[in-house]
Amino acid sequence: MRNASVYPPSLQQLGQSYDLGISPTAAGAYAQNNASVSTASLSFTVPLFSGFRIHMTLKQLN
C-alpha cells in the first residue's frame, strides 16, 4: 500500500449560480434577464522543498 504523503493534496470545487431578474435597458424599457453560470476547478499543491522527506519515503517504498 502506498503512503498518502507521497501524493500532493488536491482541492476540487464545483459551483453554480443563477441570476433571475428584470433590469432597465438603454431605451428606458425593462427587460427580463436570466443568467446561469457553472464553474469547476481542480488544484494541486506541491511543496518546493520538504527536507528530502519525499525522496526518503520513495526510497523506503522500494
N, C-alpha and C. Protein backbone atom coordinates (compact mmCIF):
# COMPACT_ATOMS: atom_id res chain seq x y z
N MET A 1 0.84 -1.19 0.00
CA MET A 1 0.00 0.00 0.00
C MET A 1 0.88 1.24 0.00
N ARG A 2 0.53 2.22 -0.79
CA ARG A 2 1.32 3.44 -0.93
C ARG A 2 1.02 4.42 0.20
N ASN A 3 2.03 5.17 0.56
CA ASN A 3 1.90 6.19 1.60
C ASN A 3 1.19 7.41 1.02
N ALA A 4 0.17 7.92 1.68
CA ALA A 4 -0.61 9.06 1.17
C ALA A 4 0.20 10.34 1.13
N SER A 5 1.28 10.45 1.92
CA SER A 5 2.07 11.68 1.93
C SER A 5 2.91 11.85 0.67
N VAL A 6 3.04 10.80 -0.15
CA VAL A 6 3.80 10.90 -1.41
C VAL A 6 3.03 11.73 -2.42
N TYR A 7 1.73 11.62 -2.42
CA TYR A 7 0.90 12.32 -3.39
C TYR A 7 0.56 13.72 -2.89
N PRO A 8 0.56 14.71 -3.79
CA PRO A 8 0.22 16.07 -3.35
C PRO A 8 -1.26 16.19 -3.01
N PRO A 9 -1.60 17.01 -2.02
CA PRO A 9 -3.01 17.21 -1.70
C PRO A 9 -3.73 17.93 -2.84
N SER A 10 -4.98 17.61 -3.04
CA SER A 10 -5.74 18.25 -4.11
C SER A 10 -7.00 18.90 -3.56
N LEU A 11 -7.52 19.85 -4.32
CA LEU A 11 -8.73 20.56 -3.94
C LEU A 11 -9.64 20.63 -5.17
N GLN A 12 -10.86 20.12 -5.03
CA GLN A 12 -11.83 20.18 -6.12
C GLN A 12 -12.99 21.05 -5.69
N GLN A 13 -13.47 21.84 -6.62
CA GLN A 13 -14.62 22.70 -6.33
C GLN A 13 -15.57 22.71 -7.52
N LEU A 14 -16.86 22.67 -7.23
CA LEU A 14 -17.91 22.81 -8.23
C LEU A 14 -18.86 23.89 -7.75
N GLY A 15 -19.38 24.68 -8.68
CA GLY A 15 -20.30 25.73 -8.28
C GLY A 15 -21.27 26.07 -9.39
N GLN A 16 -22.40 26.63 -9.01
CA GLN A 16 -23.39 27.06 -9.99
C GLN A 16 -24.11 28.27 -9.42
N SER A 17 -24.40 29.23 -10.30
CA SER A 17 -25.05 30.46 -9.87
C SER A 17 -26.16 30.82 -10.87
N TYR A 18 -27.28 31.32 -10.33
CA TYR A 18 -28.40 31.77 -11.15
C TYR A 18 -28.67 33.24 -10.86
N ASP A 19 -28.98 33.98 -11.91
CA ASP A 19 -29.36 35.38 -11.75
C ASP A 19 -30.67 35.57 -12.52
N LEU A 20 -31.75 35.71 -11.78
CA LEU A 20 -33.07 35.89 -12.38
C LEU A 20 -33.58 37.29 -12.02
N GLY A 21 -33.98 38.04 -13.02
CA GLY A 21 -34.49 39.35 -12.67
C GLY A 21 -34.83 40.22 -13.87
N ILE A 22 -35.27 41.44 -13.57
CA ILE A 22 -35.65 42.42 -14.58
C ILE A 22 -34.72 43.62 -14.41
N SER A 23 -34.22 44.13 -15.54
CA SER A 23 -33.33 45.29 -15.48
C SER A 23 -33.68 46.28 -16.58
N PRO A 24 -33.37 47.55 -16.36
CA PRO A 24 -33.69 48.56 -17.39
C PRO A 24 -32.73 48.47 -18.57
N THR A 25 -33.25 48.76 -19.76
CA THR A 25 -32.43 48.79 -20.97
C THR A 25 -32.02 50.22 -21.28
N ALA A 26 -31.18 50.40 -22.30
CA ALA A 26 -30.73 51.74 -22.69
C ALA A 26 -31.88 52.57 -23.24
N ALA A 27 -32.92 51.94 -23.78
CA ALA A 27 -34.05 52.65 -24.36
C ALA A 27 -35.07 53.08 -23.30
N GLY A 28 -34.85 52.72 -22.04
CA GLY A 28 -35.76 53.12 -20.97
C GLY A 28 -36.83 52.10 -20.66
N ALA A 29 -36.85 50.98 -21.35
CA ALA A 29 -37.81 49.92 -21.08
C ALA A 29 -37.19 48.92 -20.10
N TYR A 30 -37.97 47.97 -19.66
CA TYR A 30 -37.46 46.93 -18.78
C TYR A 30 -37.44 45.60 -19.52
N ALA A 31 -36.40 44.83 -19.32
CA ALA A 31 -36.27 43.53 -19.97
C ALA A 31 -35.94 42.47 -18.93
N GLN A 32 -36.44 41.25 -19.17
CA GLN A 32 -36.15 40.15 -18.26
C GLN A 32 -34.81 39.54 -18.66
N ASN A 33 -33.90 39.48 -17.72
CA ASN A 33 -32.57 38.91 -17.95
C ASN A 33 -32.36 37.73 -17.02
N ASN A 34 -32.14 36.57 -17.59
CA ASN A 34 -31.86 35.36 -16.82
C ASN A 34 -30.47 34.87 -17.21
N ALA A 35 -29.68 34.52 -16.24
CA ALA A 35 -28.33 34.03 -16.50
C ALA A 35 -28.02 32.86 -15.58
N SER A 36 -27.22 31.92 -16.09
CA SER A 36 -26.78 30.77 -15.32
C SER A 36 -25.30 30.56 -15.58
N VAL A 37 -24.52 30.36 -14.53
CA VAL A 37 -23.08 30.17 -14.66
C VAL A 37 -22.69 28.91 -13.88
N SER A 38 -21.93 28.03 -14.53
CA SER A 38 -21.40 26.83 -13.87
C SER A 38 -19.88 26.90 -13.88
N THR A 39 -19.27 26.54 -12.75
CA THR A 39 -17.81 26.57 -12.66
C THR A 39 -17.29 25.26 -12.08
N ALA A 40 -16.07 24.90 -12.47
CA ALA A 40 -15.40 23.74 -11.91
C ALA A 40 -13.91 24.05 -11.86
N SER A 41 -13.26 23.62 -10.79
CA SER A 41 -11.82 23.84 -10.68
C SER A 41 -11.16 22.67 -9.95
N LEU A 42 -9.90 22.45 -10.27
CA LEU A 42 -9.09 21.41 -9.65
C LEU A 42 -7.70 21.98 -9.45
N SER A 43 -7.17 21.89 -8.24
CA SER A 43 -5.84 22.42 -7.99
C SER A 43 -5.04 21.45 -7.13
N PHE A 44 -3.72 21.48 -7.31
CA PHE A 44 -2.80 20.66 -6.55
C PHE A 44 -1.77 21.57 -5.88
N THR A 45 -1.30 21.15 -4.73
CA THR A 45 -0.26 21.87 -4.01
C THR A 45 0.97 20.98 -3.93
N VAL A 46 2.10 21.49 -4.42
CA VAL A 46 3.34 20.74 -4.39
C VAL A 46 4.39 21.57 -3.67
N PRO A 47 4.96 21.05 -2.58
CA PRO A 47 5.99 21.81 -1.88
C PRO A 47 7.27 21.89 -2.70
N LEU A 48 7.95 23.02 -2.64
CA LEU A 48 9.22 23.17 -3.35
C LEU A 48 10.35 22.43 -2.64
N PHE A 49 10.33 22.42 -1.33
CA PHE A 49 11.35 21.72 -0.57
C PHE A 49 10.73 21.18 0.72
N SER A 50 10.92 19.90 0.97
CA SER A 50 10.36 19.31 2.18
C SER A 50 11.42 18.54 2.97
N GLY A 51 12.64 18.99 2.90
CA GLY A 51 13.70 18.36 3.67
C GLY A 51 13.99 16.93 3.24
N PHE A 52 13.89 16.66 1.96
CA PHE A 52 14.14 15.33 1.39
C PHE A 52 13.19 14.26 1.93
N ARG A 53 12.06 14.68 2.50
CA ARG A 53 11.09 13.73 3.03
C ARG A 53 10.50 12.86 1.93
N ILE A 54 10.17 13.45 0.78
CA ILE A 54 9.58 12.68 -0.32
C ILE A 54 10.60 11.69 -0.87
N HIS A 55 11.85 12.12 -1.01
CA HIS A 55 12.90 11.23 -1.52
C HIS A 55 13.09 10.04 -0.59
N MET A 56 13.14 10.28 0.71
CA MET A 56 13.34 9.20 1.67
C MET A 56 12.12 8.27 1.71
N THR A 57 10.92 8.83 1.55
CA THR A 57 9.71 7.99 1.53
C THR A 57 9.72 7.08 0.33
N LEU A 58 10.08 7.62 -0.84
CA LEU A 58 10.16 6.79 -2.05
C LEU A 58 11.23 5.72 -1.92
N LYS A 59 12.33 6.05 -1.28
CA LYS A 59 13.41 5.09 -1.08
C LYS A 59 12.95 3.95 -0.18
N GLN A 60 12.13 4.25 0.83
CA GLN A 60 11.63 3.22 1.75
C GLN A 60 10.62 2.32 1.07
N LEU A 61 9.88 2.84 0.06
CA LEU A 61 8.88 2.03 -0.64
C LEU A 61 9.52 1.01 -1.56
N ASN A 62 10.72 1.31 -2.04
CA ASN A 62 11.40 0.38 -2.96
C ASN A 62 12.09 -0.68 -2.23
